[in-house]
Amino acid sequence: MKKTLITLSGPTASGKTALAIRIAKTFQAEIFSCDSRQFYKEMSIGTAVPTTDELAEVQHHFIQHKSIHSPYSVGQYEAEAIALLTDYFEDHDVAVMVGGSGLYMQAVVNGIDKFPEVSEEIRNTLGSRLAVDGLSVLQQELQELDPVHYKNVDKQNPSRILRALSVCLASGKPYSSFLGQNKQKRPFEVLALMVDIPRQVLYDRINKRVDQMMNAGMLQEAQKLYLYRSLNALQTVGYKEIFDFFEEKISLDRAIELTKQHTRHYAKRQMTWVRRKEVNAHKLDFDCTDSELKKYLSLSN
């Protein structure tokens, strides 16, 4: 078999962890996570990291290996992941990469797009404008400067809007003009799989997962992290809503309701990303049998 990286993408709560473990055990492979929130050791319950039993079944990499106090970029992740995979493939034929952070997965598969430097002045100005004028004004400006990227960007993600706008303003060119210009040749083949799950089934699973998180101590975990709520790692669904409860902006019931709603919205955006970026991925039923799973995996032979 050629050296093969099996990538498994899909929305949160779609069962990626369990499927990845089944795939890895088939090939005696190890799992490389690309979930950008599961990197942080202080965030366990709210990010649904694999359980102790799941971690014991298969060797996992990039799970809770960083602190929320240590900034960690997609560029750093790409460099570390490629270095580790290069060593790994000296003794193994198959690796499994799984996670809901499509940008991180694409960085490993294709490399990172190179963008011009953005001055601190531009960043600060855009940050101030976001606080004063609101997101909708910046959305409109991005639509005018780069209508191509505006169609694809997560319009409700302020950091994505600010990033694209900052590049447009710094370079005088559309952000989209820099995309796909730095594709890297990797020393492995890629078999791309995506979890296929009915939307209503997914939403029901999300609602149940949030309830399970609360029962598991999500409130107590968030309380320990409240002092650090301004850190980038904690700009995450679930934590943000509970922080609002701590500040008496909303009730606990409302925080739980909003966490479910915002997680469903996030899952929808993930599905849109996967459909757009993983056009050659093979659909894998979320509840596939072992025989069906073997059929999908035969594509790697």
C-alpha atoms as a PDB file:
ATOM      1  CA  MET A   1       0.000   0.000   0.000  1.00  0.00           C
ATOM      2  CA  LYS A   2       1.173   3.539  -0.720  1.00  0.00           C
ATOM      3  CA  LYS A   3       1.673   5.824   2.237  1.00  0.00           C
ATOM      4  CA  THR A   4      -1.875   7.072   2.783  1.00  0.00           C
ATOM      5  CA  LEU A   5      -3.447   9.704   4.969  1.00  0.00           C
ATOM      6  CA  ILE A   6      -7.147   8.953   5.442  1.00  0.00           C
ATOM      7  CA  THR A   7      -8.963  12.188   6.269  1.00  0.00           C
ATOM      8  CA  LEU A   8     -12.369  12.046   7.929  1.00  0.00           C
ATOM      9  CA  SER A   9     -14.308  15.290   7.973  1.00  0.00           C
ATOM     10  CA  GLY A  10     -17.811  16.178   9.056  1.00  0.00           C
ATOM     11  CA  PRO A  11     -19.816  18.298  11.487  1.00  0.00           C
ATOM     12  CA  THR A  12     -19.596  18.220  15.242  1.00  0.00           C
ATOM     13  CA  ALA A  13     -21.515  15.370  16.948  1.00  0.00           C
ATOM     14  CA  SER A  14     -21.659  13.335  13.724  1.00  0.00           C
ATOM     15  CA  GLY A  15     -19.709  10.430  15.212  1.00  0.00           C
ATOM     16  CA  LYS A  16     -16.291  11.186  13.682  1.00  0.00           C
ATOM     17  CA  THR A  17     -14.357  10.035  16.740  1.00  0.00           C
ATOM     18  CA  ALA A  18     -15.912   6.563  16.829  1.00  0.00           C
ATOM     19  CA  LEU A  19     -15.584   6.145  13.055  1.00  0.00           C
ATOM     20  CA  ALA A  20     -11.959   7.272  13.103  1.00  0.00           C
ATOM     21  CA  ILE A  21     -11.155   4.700  15.777  1.00  0.00           C
ATOM     22  CA  ARG A  22     -12.794   1.946  13.723  1.00  0.00           C
ATOM     23  CA  ILE A  23     -10.814   2.989  10.649  1.00  0.00           C
ATOM     24  CA  ALA A  24      -7.550   3.240  12.560  1.00  0.00           C
ATOM     25  CA  LYS A  25      -7.993  -0.206  14.120  1.00  0.00           C
ATOM     26  CA  THR A  26      -8.591  -1.686  10.658  1.00  0.00           C
ATOM     27  CA  PHE A  27      -5.111  -0.572   9.570  1.00  0.00           C
ATOM     28  CA  GLN A  28      -3.366  -0.639  12.970  1.00  0.00           C
ATOM     29  CA  ALA A  29      -2.973   3.075  12.364  1.00  0.00           C
ATOM     30  CA  GLU A  30      -2.768   6.091  14.644  1.00  0.00           C
ATOM     31  CA  ILE A  31      -5.067   9.121  14.742  1.00  0.00           C
ATOM     32  CA  PHE A  32      -3.974  12.709  14.137  1.00  0.00           C
ATOM     33  CA  SER A  33      -6.555  15.181  15.398  1.00  0.00           C
ATOM     34  CA  CYS A  34      -7.171  18.463  13.607  1.00  0.00           C
ATOM     35  CA  ASP A  35      -9.819  19.787  15.977  1.00  0.00           C
ATOM     36  CA  SER A  36      -8.477  23.208  16.900  1.00  0.00           C
ATOM     37  CA  ARG A  37     -10.332  23.341  20.238  1.00  0.00           C
ATOM     38  CA  GLN A  38      -9.342  19.861  21.389  1.00  0.00           C
ATOM     39  CA  PHE A  39      -5.695  20.983  21.307  1.00  0.00           C
ATOM     40  CA  TYR A  40      -6.124  22.705  24.680  1.00  0.00           C
ATOM     41  CA  LYS A  41      -5.666  20.726  27.871  1.00  0.00           C
ATOM     42  CA  GLU A  42      -7.848  23.063  29.963  1.00  0.00           C
ATOM     43  CA  MET A  43     -10.893  22.464  27.728  1.00  0.00           C
ATOM     44  CA  SER A  44     -12.205  18.912  27.994  1.00  0.00           C
ATOM     45  CA  ILE A  45     -15.933  18.756  28.549  1.00  0.00           C
ATOM     46  CA  GLY A  46     -16.883  21.686  26.338  1.00  0.00           C
ATOM     47  CA  THR A  47     -14.864  20.412  23.371  1.00  0.00           C
ATOM     48  CA  ALA A  48     -15.973  16.760  23.625  1.00  0.00           C
ATOM     49  CA  VAL A  49     -12.459  15.357  23.590  1.00  0.00           C
ATOM     50  CA  PRO A  50     -12.255  11.576  23.151  1.00  0.00           C
ATOM     51  CA  THR A  51     -12.897   9.686  26.366  1.00  0.00           C
ATOM     52  CA  THR A  52     -10.183   7.917  28.310  1.00  0.00           C
ATOM     53  CA  ASP A  53     -11.406   4.603  26.896  1.00  0.00           C
ATOM     54  CA  GLU A  54     -11.351   5.948  23.326  1.00  0.00           C
ATOM     55  CA  LEU A  55      -7.835   7.320  23.751  1.00  0.00           C
ATOM     56  CA  ALA A  56      -6.750   3.925  25.069  1.00  0.00           C
ATOM     57  CA  GLU A  57      -8.098   2.098  22.000  1.00  0.00           C
ATOM     58  CA  VAL A  58      -5.893   3.930  19.486  1.00  0.00           C
ATOM     59  CA  GLN A  59      -2.868   6.215  19.809  1.00  0.00           C
ATOM     60  CA  HIS A  60      -3.987   9.839  19.321  1.00  0.00           C
ATOM     61  CA  HIS A  61      -1.857  12.868  18.475  1.00  0.00           C
ATOM     62  CA  PHE A  62      -2.646  16.588  18.918  1.00  0.00           C
ATOM     63  CA  ILE A  63      -5.168  16.052  21.713  1.00  0.00           C
ATOM     64  CA  GLN A  64      -4.808  18.439  24.668  1.00  0.00           C
ATOM     65  CA  HIS A  65      -1.129  19.032  23.969  1.00  0.00           C
ATOM     66  CA  LYS A  66      -1.276  22.830  24.319  1.00  0.00           C
ATOM     67  CA  SER A  67      -2.363  25.375  26.928  1.00  0.00           C
ATOM     68  CA  ILE A  68      -4.924  28.088  26.280  1.00  0.00           C
ATOM     69  CA  HIS A  69      -2.196  30.512  27.392  1.00  0.00           C
ATOM     70  CA  SER A  70       0.071  29.526  24.492  1.00  0.00           C
ATOM     71  CA  PRO A  71      -1.063  30.939  21.117  1.00  0.00           C
ATOM     72  CA  TYR A  72      -1.134  28.220  18.481  1.00  0.00           C
ATOM     73  CA  SER A  73      -1.635  29.003  14.808  1.00  0.00           C
ATOM     74  CA  VAL A  74      -2.616  26.905  11.838  1.00  0.00           C
ATOM     75  CA  GLY A  75       0.906  27.453  10.510  1.00  0.00           C
ATOM     76  CA  GLN A  76       2.447  25.979  13.652  1.00  0.00           C
ATOM     77  CA  TYR A  77       0.048  23.044  13.467  1.00  0.00           C
ATOM     78  CA  GLU A  78       0.879  22.370   9.821  1.00  0.00           C
ATOM     79  CA  ALA A  79       4.615  22.347  10.518  1.00  0.00           C
ATOM     80  CA  GLU A  80       4.285  20.052  13.535  1.00  0.00           C
ATOM     81  CA  ALA A  81       1.799  17.712  11.836  1.00  0.00           C
ATOM     82  CA  ILE A  82       3.879  17.317   8.667  1.00  0.00           C
ATOM     83  CA  ALA A  83       7.040  16.676  10.710  1.00  0.00           C
ATOM     84  CA  LEU A  84       5.288  14.044  12.817  1.00  0.00           C
ATOM     85  CA  LEU A  85       3.619  12.408   9.811  1.00  0.00           C
ATOM     86  CA  THR A  86       6.938  12.257   7.957  1.00  0.00           C
ATOM     87  CA  ASP A  87       8.489  10.324  10.835  1.00  0.00           C
ATOM     88  CA  TYR A  88       5.367   8.230  11.302  1.00  0.00           C
ATOM     89  CA  PHE A  89       5.252   7.075   7.679  1.00  0.00           C
ATOM     90  CA  GLU A  90       8.746   5.634   7.951  1.00  0.00           C
ATOM     91  CA  ASP A  91       7.229   2.736   9.920  1.00  0.00           C
ATOM     92  CA  HIS A  92       3.527   2.864   8.989  1.00  0.00           C
ATOM     93  CA  ASP A  93       1.495   2.818   5.780  1.00  0.00           C
ATOM     94  CA  VAL A  94      -1.727   4.493   6.949  1.00  0.00           C
ATOM     95  CA  ALA A  95      -2.557   7.432   9.211  1.00  0.00           C
ATOM     96  CA  VAL A  96      -6.004   8.777  10.054  1.00  0.00           C
ATOM     97  CA  MET A  97      -6.712  12.492  10.377  1.00  0.00           C
ATOM     98  CA  VAL A  98     -10.014  13.546  11.906  1.00  0.00           C
ATOM     99  CA  GLY A  99     -11.570  16.741  13.201  1.00  0.00           C
ATOM    100  CA  GLY A 100     -14.029  19.487  12.509  1.00  0.00           C
ATOM    101  CA  SER A 101     -11.483  22.237  11.800  1.00  0.00           C
ATOM    102  CA  GLY A 102     -11.382  22.131   8.017  1.00  0.00           C
ATOM    103  CA  LEU A 103      -8.756  24.857   7.739  1.00  0.00           C
ATOM    104  CA  TYR A 104      -6.279  22.791   9.749  1.00  0.00           C
ATOM    105  CA  MET A 105      -6.977  19.650   7.728  1.00  0.00           C
ATOM    106  CA  GLN A 106      -6.537  21.530   4.455  1.00  0.00           C
ATOM    107  CA  ALA A 107      -3.254  22.971   5.715  1.00  0.00           C
ATOM    108  CA  VAL A 108      -1.846  19.469   6.149  1.00  0.00           C
ATOM    109  CA  VAL A 109      -3.249  18.160   2.864  1.00  0.00           C
ATOM    110  CA  ASN A 110      -2.471  21.131   0.607  1.00  0.00           C
ATOM    111  CA  GLY A 111      -0.292  23.580   2.500  1.00  0.00           C
ATOM    112  CA  ILE A 112      -1.047  27.089   3.707  1.00  0.00           C
ATOM    113  CA  ASP A 113      -1.823  30.027   1.471  1.00  0.00           C
ATOM    114  CA  LYS A 114       0.718  32.854   1.712  1.00  0.00           C
ATOM    115  CA  PHE A 115      -0.643  36.301   2.498  1.00  0.00           C
ATOM    116  CA  PRO A 116       1.006  39.716   2.708  1.00  0.00           C
ATOM    117  CA  GLU A 117       1.956  41.179   6.066  1.00  0.00           C
ATOM    118  CA  VAL A 118      -0.776  43.172   7.772  1.00  0.00           C
ATOM    119  CA  SER A 119       0.247  46.113   9.947  1.00  0.00           C
ATOM    120  CA  GLU A 120      -0.781  46.410  13.574  1.00  0.00           C
ATOM    121  CA  GLU A 121      -2.455  49.706  12.669  1.00  0.00           C
ATOM    122  CA  ILE A 122      -4.838  47.994  10.221  1.00  0.00           C
ATOM    123  CA  ARG A 123      -5.655  45.261  12.730  1.00  0.00           C
ATOM    124  CA  ASN A 124      -6.346  47.760  15.496  1.00  0.00           C
ATOM    125  CA  THR A 125      -8.466  49.958  13.235  1.00  0.00           C
ATOM    126  CA  LEU A 126     -10.611  47.024  12.125  1.00  0.00           C
ATOM    127  CA  GLY A 127     -10.964  45.819  15.706  1.00  0.00           C
ATOM    128  CA  SER A 128     -12.182  49.250  16.773  1.00  0.00           C
ATOM    129  CA  ARG A 129     -14.589  49.425  13.850  1.00  0.00           C
ATOM    130  CA  LEU A 130     -16.012  46.043  14.765  1.00  0.00           C
ATOM    131  CA  ALA A 131     -16.650  47.249  18.327  1.00  0.00           C
ATOM    132  CA  VAL A 132     -18.191  50.563  17.241  1.00  0.00           C
ATOM    133  CA  ASP A 133     -19.936  49.838  13.925  1.00  0.00           C
ATOM    134  CA  GLY A 134     -20.760  46.157  14.308  1.00  0.00           C
ATOM    135  CA  LEU A 135     -20.152  43.120  12.129  1.00  0.00           C
ATOM    136  CA  SER A 136     -22.701  43.961   9.424  1.00  0.00           C
ATOM    137  CA  VAL A 137     -20.790  47.061   8.291  1.00  0.00           C
ATOM    138  CA  LEU A 138     -17.578  45.056   7.885  1.00  0.00           C
ATOM    139  CA  GLN A 139     -19.471  42.296   6.081  1.00  0.00           C
ATOM    140  CA  GLN A 140     -20.695  44.844   3.558  1.00  0.00           C
ATOM    141  CA  GLU A 141     -17.202  46.249   3.046  1.00  0.00           C
ATOM    142  CA  LEU A 142     -15.791  42.775   2.427  1.00  0.00           C
ATOM    143  CA  GLN A 143     -18.574  42.102  -0.083  1.00  0.00           C
ATOM    144  CA  GLU A 144     -17.528  45.228  -1.984  1.00  0.00           C
ATOM    145  CA  LEU A 145     -13.783  44.515  -1.867  1.00  0.00           C
ATOM    146  CA  ASP A 146     -13.932  40.771  -2.490  1.00  0.00           C
ATOM    147  CA  PRO A 147     -17.322  39.457  -3.644  1.00  0.00           C
ATOM    148  CA  VAL A 148     -15.774  36.079  -4.509  1.00  0.00           C
ATOM    149  CA  HIS A 149     -14.545  35.391  -0.985  1.00  0.00           C
ATOM    150  CA  TYR A 150     -17.657  36.940   0.526  1.00  0.00           C
ATOM    151  CA  LYS A 151     -19.743  34.157  -1.031  1.00  0.00           C
ATOM    152  CA  ASN A 152     -17.717  31.487   0.762  1.00  0.00           C
ATOM    153  CA  VAL A 153     -16.641  33.023   4.061  1.00  0.00           C
ATOM    154  CA  ASP A 154     -18.390  32.245   7.336  1.00  0.00           C
ATOM    155  CA  LYS A 155     -20.183  35.580   7.549  1.00  0.00           C
ATOM    156  CA  GLN A 156     -20.997  35.212  11.239  1.00  0.00           C
ATOM    157  CA  ASN A 157     -17.376  34.626  12.231  1.00  0.00           C
ATOM    158  CA  PRO A 158     -15.858  38.032  13.074  1.00  0.00           C
ATOM    159  CA  SER A 159     -12.260  36.774  12.992  1.00  0.00           C
ATOM    160  CA  ARG A 160     -12.697  35.431   9.440  1.00  0.00           C
ATOM    161  CA  ILE A 161     -14.251  38.711   8.258  1.00  0.00           C
ATOM    162  CA  LEU A 162     -11.513  40.764   9.925  1.00  0.00           C
ATOM    163  CA  ARG A 163      -8.761  38.550   8.522  1.00  0.00           C
ATOM    164  CA  ALA A 164     -10.021  38.816   4.954  1.00  0.00           C
ATOM    165  CA  LEU A 165     -10.613  42.552   5.213  1.00  0.00           C
ATOM    166  CA  SER A 166      -7.172  43.166   6.680  1.00  0.00           C
ATOM    167  CA  VAL A 167      -5.511  41.412   3.733  1.00  0.00           C
ATOM    168  CA  CYS A 168      -7.625  43.371   1.240  1.00  0.00           C
ATOM    169  CA  LEU A 169      -6.678  46.657   2.871  1.00  0.00           C
ATOM    170  CA  ALA A 170      -2.990  45.802   3.302  1.00  0.00           C
ATOM    171  CA  SER A 171      -2.467  44.532  -0.244  1.00  0.00           C
ATOM    172  CA  GLY A 172      -5.010  46.435  -2.285  1.00  0.00           C
ATOM    173  CA  LYS A 173      -6.013  43.069  -3.757  1.00  0.00           C
ATOM    174  CA  PRO A 174      -8.904  40.687  -3.032  1.00  0.00           C
ATOM    175  CA  TYR A 175      -8.237  38.146  -0.294  1.00  0.00           C
ATOM    176  CA  SER A 176      -9.411  35.420  -2.690  1.00  0.00           C
ATOM    177  CA  SER A 177      -6.562  36.226  -5.104  1.00  0.00           C
ATOM    178  CA  PHE A 178      -4.091  34.701  -2.633  1.00  0.00           C
ATOM    179  CA  LEU A 179      -5.995  31.440  -2.158  1.00  0.00           C
ATOM    180  CA  GLY A 180      -4.729  28.217  -3.703  1.00  0.00           C
ATOM    181  CA  GLN A 181      -1.460  29.709  -4.914  1.00  0.00           C
ATOM    182  CA  ASN A 182       0.839  27.737  -2.616  1.00  0.00           C
ATOM    183  CA  LYS A 183      -0.321  24.137  -2.910  1.00  0.00           C
ATOM    184  CA  GLN A 184       2.286  21.756  -1.540  1.00  0.00           C
ATOM    185  CA  LYS A 185       3.321  18.341  -2.809  1.00  0.00           C
ATOM    186  CA  ARG A 186       3.014  15.886   0.060  1.00  0.00           C
ATOM    187  CA  PRO A 187       4.892  12.580   0.472  1.00  0.00           C
ATOM    188  CA  PHE A 188       1.657  10.649   0.919  1.00  0.00           C
ATOM    189  CA  GLU A 189      -1.609   9.911  -0.856  1.00  0.00           C
ATOM    190  CA  VAL A 190      -4.883  11.195   0.574  1.00  0.00           C
ATOM    191  CA  LEU A 191      -8.121   9.240   0.854  1.00  0.00           C
ATOM    192  CA  ALA A 192     -10.799  11.769   1.768  1.00  0.00           C
ATOM    193  CA  LEU A 193     -13.925  10.579   3.569  1.00  0.00           C
ATOM    194  CA  MET A 194     -16.785  12.681   4.875  1.00  0.00           C
ATOM    195  CA  VAL A 195     -19.464  11.665   7.350  1.00  0.00           C
ATOM    196  CA  ASP A 196     -22.926  11.677   5.830  1.00  0.00           C
ATOM    197  CA  ILE A 197     -25.665  12.175   8.419  1.00  0.00           C
ATOM    198  CA  PRO A 198     -29.285  13.386   8.077  1.00  0.00           C
ATOM    199  CA  ARG A 199     -29.625  16.928   9.379  1.00  0.00           C
ATOM    200  CA  GLN A 200     -32.381  16.186  11.890  1.00  0.00           C
ATOM    201  CA  VAL A 201     -30.460  13.229  13.283  1.00  0.00           C
ATOM    202  CA  LEU A 202     -27.419  15.478  13.657  1.00  0.00           C
ATOM    203  CA  TYR A 203     -29.392  18.227  15.389  1.00  0.00           C
ATOM    204  CA  ASP A 204     -30.924  15.726  17.822  1.00  0.00           C
ATOM    205  CA  ARG A 205     -27.440  14.432  18.635  1.00  0.00           C
ATOM    206  CA  ILE A 206     -26.171  17.971  19.194  1.00  0.00           C
ATOM    207  CA  ASN A 207     -29.002  18.725  21.625  1.00  0.00           C
ATOM    208  CA  LYS A 208     -28.318  15.530  23.574  1.00  0.00           C
ATOM    209  CA  ARG A 209     -24.575  16.191  23.619  1.00  0.00           C
ATOM    210  CA  VAL A 210     -25.055  19.629  25.160  1.00  0.00           C
ATOM    211  CA  ASP A 211     -27.249  18.106  27.873  1.00  0.00           C
ATOM    212  CA  GLN A 212     -24.578  15.464  28.503  1.00  0.00           C
ATOM    213  CA  MET A 213     -21.899  18.152  28.748  1.00  0.00           C
ATOM    214  CA  MET A 214     -23.899  20.013  31.369  1.00  0.00           C
ATOM    215  CA  ASN A 215     -24.416  16.824  33.358  1.00  0.00           C
ATOM    216  CA  ALA A 216     -20.681  16.077  33.105  1.00  0.00           C
ATOM    217  CA  GLY A 217     -19.687  19.388  34.722  1.00  0.00           C
ATOM    218  CA  MET A 218     -19.477  21.924  31.908  1.00  0.00           C
ATOM    219  CA  LEU A 219     -20.564  24.687  34.274  1.00  0.00           C
ATOM    220  CA  GLN A 220     -17.719  23.967  36.681  1.00  0.00           C
ATOM    221  CA  GLU A 221     -15.177  23.739  33.833  1.00  0.00           C
ATOM    222  CA  ALA A 222     -16.293  27.103  32.462  1.00  0.00           C
ATOM    223  CA  GLN A 223     -16.109  28.650  35.932  1.00  0.00           C
ATOM    224  CA  LYS A 224     -12.421  27.729  36.198  1.00  0.00           C
ATOM    225  CA  LEU A 225     -11.785  29.350  32.809  1.00  0.00           C
ATOM    226  CA  TYR A 226     -13.862  32.494  33.297  1.00  0.00           C
ATOM    227  CA  LEU A 227     -10.883  34.694  34.224  1.00  0.00           C
ATOM    228  CA  TYR A 228      -9.315  33.883  30.849  1.00  0.00           C
ATOM    229  CA  ARG A 229     -12.482  34.401  28.788  1.00  0.00           C
ATOM    230  CA  SER A 230     -10.812  36.965  26.495  1.00  0.00           C
ATOM    231  CA  LEU A 231      -8.324  34.401  25.164  1.00  0.00           C
ATOM    232  CA  ASN A 232      -8.856  33.274  21.584  1.00  0.00           C
ATOM    233  CA  ALA A 233      -9.219  29.615  22.559  1.00  0.00           C
ATOM    234  CA  LEU A 234     -12.263  30.452  24.670  1.00  0.00           C
ATOM    235  CA  GLN A 235     -14.134  32.231  21.889  1.00  0.00           C
ATOM    236  CA  THR A 236     -15.930  28.941  21.525  1.00  0.00           C
ATOM    237  CA  VAL A 237     -19.566  27.908  21.467  1.00  0.00           C
ATOM    238  CA  GLY A 238     -20.654  26.691  24.879  1.00  0.00           C
ATOM    239  CA  TYR A 239     -18.123  28.634  26.887  1.00  0.00           C
ATOM    240  CA  LYS A 240     -19.225  32.018  25.564  1.00  0.00           C
ATOM    241  CA  GLU A 241     -22.866  31.363  26.426  1.00  0.00           C
ATOM    242  CA  ILE A 242     -22.036  30.190  29.941  1.00  0.00           C
ATOM    243  CA  PHE A 243     -19.795  33.219  30.469  1.00  0.00           C
ATOM    244  CA  ASP A 244     -22.827  35.371  29.648  1.00  0.00           C
ATOM    245  CA  PHE A 245     -24.752  33.463  32.322  1.00  0.00           C
ATOM    246  CA  PHE A 246     -21.980  34.154  34.847  1.00  0.00           C
ATOM    247  CA  GLU A 247     -22.270  37.852  34.004  1.00  0.00           C
ATOM    248  CA  GLU A 248     -26.046  37.652  34.556  1.00  0.00           C
ATOM    249  CA  LYS A 249     -26.789  38.639  30.976  1.00  0.00           C
ATOM    250  CA  ILE A 250     -28.936  35.528  30.455  1.00  0.00           C
ATOM    251  CA  SER A 251     -30.367  32.694  32.538  1.00  0.00           C
ATOM    252  CA  LEU A 252     -28.757  29.258  32.705  1.00  0.00           C
ATOM    253  CA  ASP A 253     -31.645  27.739  30.750  1.00  0.00           C
ATOM    254  CA  ARG A 254     -31.163  30.379  28.059  1.00  0.00           C
ATOM    255  CA  ALA A 255     -27.412  29.725  27.978  1.00  0.00           C
ATOM    256  CA  ILE A 256     -28.060  26.023  27.389  1.00  0.00           C
ATOM    257  CA  GLU A 257     -30.670  26.775  24.733  1.00  0.00           C
ATOM    258  CA  LEU A 258     -28.296  29.164  22.931  1.00  0.00           C
ATOM    259  CA  THR A 259     -25.444  26.666  23.126  1.00  0.00           C
ATOM    260  CA  LYS A 260     -27.592  24.107  21.334  1.00  0.00           C
ATOM    261  CA  GLN A 261     -28.736  26.658  18.759  1.00  0.00           C
ATOM    262  CA  HIS A 262     -25.262  28.029  18.080  1.00  0.00           C
ATOM    263  CA  THR A 263     -23.783  24.534  17.875  1.00  0.00           C
ATOM    264  CA  ARG A 264     -26.407  23.609  15.276  1.00  0.00           C
ATOM    265  CA  HIS A 265     -25.486  26.727  13.299  1.00  0.00           C
ATOM    266  CA  TYR A 266     -21.805  25.845  13.585  1.00  0.00           C
ATOM    267  CA  ALA A 267     -22.490  22.309  12.351  1.00  0.00           C
ATOM    268  CA  LYS A 268     -24.346  23.728   9.369  1.00  0.00           C
ATOM    269  CA  ARG A 269     -21.330  25.900   8.507  1.00  0.00           C
ATOM    270  CA  GLN A 270     -19.053  22.877   8.851  1.00  0.00           C
ATOM    271  CA  MET A 271     -21.203  20.915   6.397  1.00  0.00           C
ATOM    272  CA  THR A 272     -21.073  23.810   3.942  1.00  0.00           C
ATOM    273  CA  TRP A 273     -17.271  23.921   4.252  1.00  0.00           C
ATOM    274  CA  VAL A 274     -16.931  20.177   3.679  1.00  0.00           C
ATOM    275  CA  ARG A 275     -19.161  20.216   0.609  1.00  0.00           C
ATOM    276  CA  ARG A 276     -17.185  23.115  -0.844  1.00  0.00           C
ATOM    277  CA  LYS A 277     -13.651  22.001   0.012  1.00  0.00           C
ATOM    278  CA  GLU A 278     -13.965  18.208  -0.042  1.00  0.00           C
ATOM    279  CA  VAL A 279     -15.578  17.837  -3.463  1.00  0.00           C
ATOM    280  CA  ASN A 280     -13.762  14.541  -4.088  1.00  0.00           C
ATOM    281  CA  ALA A 281     -14.472  13.059  -0.674  1.00  0.00           C
ATOM    282  CA  HIS A 282     -16.358   9.770  -0.453  1.00  0.00           C
ATOM    283  CA  LYS A 283     -19.485   9.894   1.693  1.00  0.00           C
ATOM    284  CA  LEU A 284     -19.427   7.570   4.678  1.00  0.00           C
ATOM    285  CA  ASP A 285     -22.735   6.840   6.431  1.00  0.00           C
ATOM    286  CA  PHE A 286     -22.569   7.841  10.086  1.00  0.00           C
ATOM    287  CA  ASP A 287     -24.029   4.484  11.143  1.00  0.00           C
ATOM    288  CA  CYS A 288     -22.325   2.295   8.552  1.00  0.00           C
ATOM    289  CA  THR A 289     -21.828  -1.382   9.300  1.00  0.00           C
ATOM    290  CA  ASP A 290     -18.406  -3.015   9.403  1.00  0.00           C
ATOM    291  CA  SER A 291     -18.932  -4.500   5.935  1.00  0.00           C
ATOM    292  CA  GLU A 292     -19.912  -1.100   4.521  1.00  0.00           C
ATOM    293  CA  LEU A 293     -16.908   0.480   6.178  1.00  0.00           C
ATOM    294  CA  LYS A 294     -14.595  -2.103   4.570  1.00  0.00           C
ATOM    295  CA  LYS A 295     -16.070  -1.200   1.180  1.00  0.00           C
ATOM    296  CA  TYR A 296     -15.168   2.447   1.667  1.00  0.00           C
ATOM    297  CA  LEU A 297     -11.716   1.623   2.930  1.00  0.00           C
ATOM    298  CA  SER A 298     -11.014  -0.609  -0.060  1.00  0.00           C
ATOM    299  CA  LEU A 299     -10.782   2.634  -2.023  1.00  0.00           C
ATOM    300  CA  SER A 300      -7.354   3.115  -0.452  1.00  0.00           C
ATOM    301  CA  ASN A 301      -5.906  -0.085  -1.898  1.00  0.00           C
END
